[in-house]
Protein backbone atom coordinates (compact mmCIF):
# COMPACT_ATOMS: atom_id res chain seq x y z
CA MET A 1 151.01 56.57 43.25
CA ALA A 2 151.44 52.87 42.62
CA ASN A 3 149.94 49.93 44.52
CA GLY A 4 146.91 51.88 45.77
CA ALA A 5 148.94 54.20 47.98
CA THR A 6 147.43 57.58 48.66
CA MET A 7 149.05 60.91 49.02
CA GLN A 8 148.24 63.00 52.06
CA THR A 9 148.55 66.76 52.14
CA ILE A 10 148.71 68.52 55.45
CA THR A 11 147.76 72.16 55.55
CA THR A 12 148.48 74.27 58.58
CA LEU A 13 146.09 77.12 59.14
CA GLY A 14 146.89 80.02 61.35
CA VAL A 15 144.15 80.60 63.89
CA ARG A 16 143.73 83.92 65.51
CA ARG A 17 141.86 83.92 68.75
CA ASP A 18 139.74 87.00 69.23
CA THR A 19 140.13 87.96 72.84
CA SER A 20 138.99 91.48 72.30
CA ALA A 21 137.50 92.99 75.38
CA ILE A 22 135.40 95.52 73.54
CA GLU A 23 131.62 95.77 73.73
CA LYS A 24 129.76 97.57 70.94
CA GLN A 25 126.49 99.43 71.11
CA ILE A 26 124.89 100.78 67.96
CA ILE A 27 121.97 103.16 67.71
CA SER A 28 120.30 105.04 64.88
CA LEU A 29 119.39 108.14 66.73
CA THR A 30 118.07 110.88 64.55
CA LEU A 31 115.74 111.08 61.54
CA PHE A 32 116.00 114.15 59.33
CA LEU A 33 113.66 115.91 56.95
CA VAL A 34 114.44 115.78 53.22
CA ASN A 35 117.53 117.84 52.34
CA ASN A 36 117.95 118.94 55.95
CA ALA A 37 120.72 118.47 58.52
CA ASP A 38 119.23 120.36 61.48
CA VAL A 39 119.11 118.51 64.79
CA SER A 40 115.66 119.12 66.29
CA ALA A 41 115.04 120.03 69.93
CA GLN A 42 113.48 116.61 70.47
CA ASP A 43 116.55 114.89 69.00
CA LYS A 44 118.82 117.01 71.20
CA ASN A 45 116.94 115.72 74.25
CA THR A 46 117.38 112.16 72.98
CA ILE A 47 121.11 112.75 72.41
CA ARG A 48 121.47 114.21 75.91
CA ASP A 49 119.72 111.15 77.42
CA PHE A 50 121.92 108.87 75.32
CA ALA A 51 125.06 110.68 76.50
CA ARG A 52 124.17 109.92 80.12
CA ASN A 53 124.83 106.23 79.42
CA LEU A 54 128.35 106.75 78.14
CA VAL A 55 131.28 106.02 80.41
CA GLY A 56 134.92 107.06 80.54
CA GLY A 57 136.98 105.27 77.91
CA ASP A 58 134.09 104.95 75.46
CA SER A 59 134.92 105.61 71.82
CA VAL A 60 132.17 106.93 69.54
CA VAL A 61 131.86 106.67 65.75
CA ILE A 62 129.16 108.74 64.02
CA ILE A 63 128.02 108.04 60.44
CA GLY A 64 125.43 110.07 58.53
CA TYR A 65 123.17 108.67 55.81
CA THR A 66 120.73 110.01 53.23
CA ASP A 67 118.04 108.61 50.99
CA LYS A 68 118.75 108.21 47.27
CA LEU A 69 116.80 111.28 46.14
CA GLY A 70 119.00 113.98 44.63
CA GLN A 71 122.56 114.00 43.32
CA PHE A 72 125.17 111.62 44.72
CA GLU A 73 127.63 114.43 45.62
CA ASP A 74 124.91 116.47 47.33
CA ASN A 75 123.80 113.44 49.34
CA LEU A 76 127.36 112.75 50.43
CA ARG A 77 127.82 116.34 51.63
CA LEU A 78 124.45 116.24 53.39
CA SER A 79 125.28 112.97 55.17
CA VAL A 80 128.58 114.41 56.42
CA LEU A 81 126.80 117.56 57.62
CA ARG A 82 124.21 115.47 59.48
CA ALA A 83 126.94 113.47 61.19
CA ARG A 84 128.89 116.64 62.07
CA ASN A 85 125.80 118.34 63.52
CA VAL A 86 125.03 115.35 65.72
CA ALA A 87 128.70 115.11 66.74
CA GLU A 88 128.83 118.83 67.56
CA TYR A 89 125.82 118.60 69.84
CA LEU A 90 127.02 115.34 71.39
CA ARG A 91 130.41 116.93 72.15
CA SER A 92 128.64 119.82 73.86
CA VAL A 93 127.01 117.46 76.38
CA LEU A 94 129.75 114.81 76.73
CA SER A 95 132.35 114.49 79.38
CA ASP A 96 135.93 114.89 78.16
CA ASP A 97 136.49 111.21 79.10
CA VAL A 98 134.46 110.05 76.08
CA ARG A 99 136.20 110.27 72.71
CA ILE A 100 134.46 110.82 69.37
CA SER A 101 136.92 108.98 67.17
CA SER A 102 135.25 109.34 63.77
CA VAL A 103 132.58 111.48 62.11
CA ASP A 104 131.75 110.64 58.51
CA GLY A 105 128.98 110.42 55.95
CA ALA A 106 127.99 107.54 53.69
CA GLY A 107 125.56 109.52 51.54
CA SER A 108 123.31 107.17 49.62
CA LEU A 109 126.24 104.92 48.68
CA LYS A 110 125.68 102.63 51.67
CA LEU A 111 122.31 101.73 53.17
CA PRO A 112 121.86 102.25 56.90
CA PRO A 113 121.58 99.07 58.99
CA GLN A 114 118.21 97.30 58.69
CA ILE A 115 117.34 99.18 55.47
CA LYS A 116 117.21 96.82 52.48
CA SER A 117 116.56 99.33 49.68
CA TYR A 118 115.36 102.82 48.85
CA ALA A 119 112.27 101.44 47.08
CA THR A 120 109.55 102.63 49.46
CA PRO A 121 108.86 106.03 51.01
CA GLU A 122 109.25 104.43 54.46
CA GLU A 123 112.72 103.09 53.65
CA ARG A 124 113.78 106.45 52.26
CA PHE A 125 112.47 108.18 55.39
CA LEU A 126 114.34 105.79 57.69
CA SER A 127 117.51 106.26 55.60
CA ARG A 128 117.75 109.92 56.59
CA THR A 129 119.54 109.10 59.82
CA VAL A 130 122.75 109.18 61.79
CA ARG A 131 124.20 106.01 63.26
CA ILE A 132 126.16 106.21 66.48
CA GLU A 133 128.44 103.30 67.37
CA VAL A 134 129.94 103.12 70.84
CA SER A 135 132.90 100.87 71.65
CA ARG A 136 133.42 100.22 75.34
CA PRO A 137 135.89 98.03 77.21
CA PHE A 138 134.03 95.09 78.78
CA GLY A 139 133.31 95.72 82.41
CA ALA A 140 133.57 99.51 82.19
CA THR A 141 131.14 101.00 84.66
CA GLY A 142 130.16 104.33 86.04
CA GLN A 143 128.00 106.79 84.26
CA ILE A 144 129.44 110.17 83.38
CA GLU A 145 127.33 113.22 84.04
CA PRO A 146 126.87 115.13 80.80
CA LYS A 147 127.78 118.78 80.67
CA GLU A 148 124.83 121.05 81.33
């Protein structure tokens, strides 16, 4: 541009306002023995207590994890089995008003939350878990009595 004039470019950005009314709760509930997907009696009690805090309209996602020991395919199958076993027991104590929307396994492909690596025995132990994520509409109240 001549005579010191400047050129101005105006860019319009679309802004999306997140007005989602969903609250999320995440818990890593169960730790498993190596190469095992059994839900212990103690973990079943914990799951039952956890289920008492769910309310109608809640949506639950369950993801199983493994450590990195063993073959990738075996770990993936094991993580899915862990998630399914937790989901099966959770369904047995849940009210029909709570929906389990997804049950899946991450194997050793994805680290569980708060785990930075598989380098130490402690991290590998804590990686043998199932994560339960609950989505709830804000303001939802009223506990549901679990099935007995």
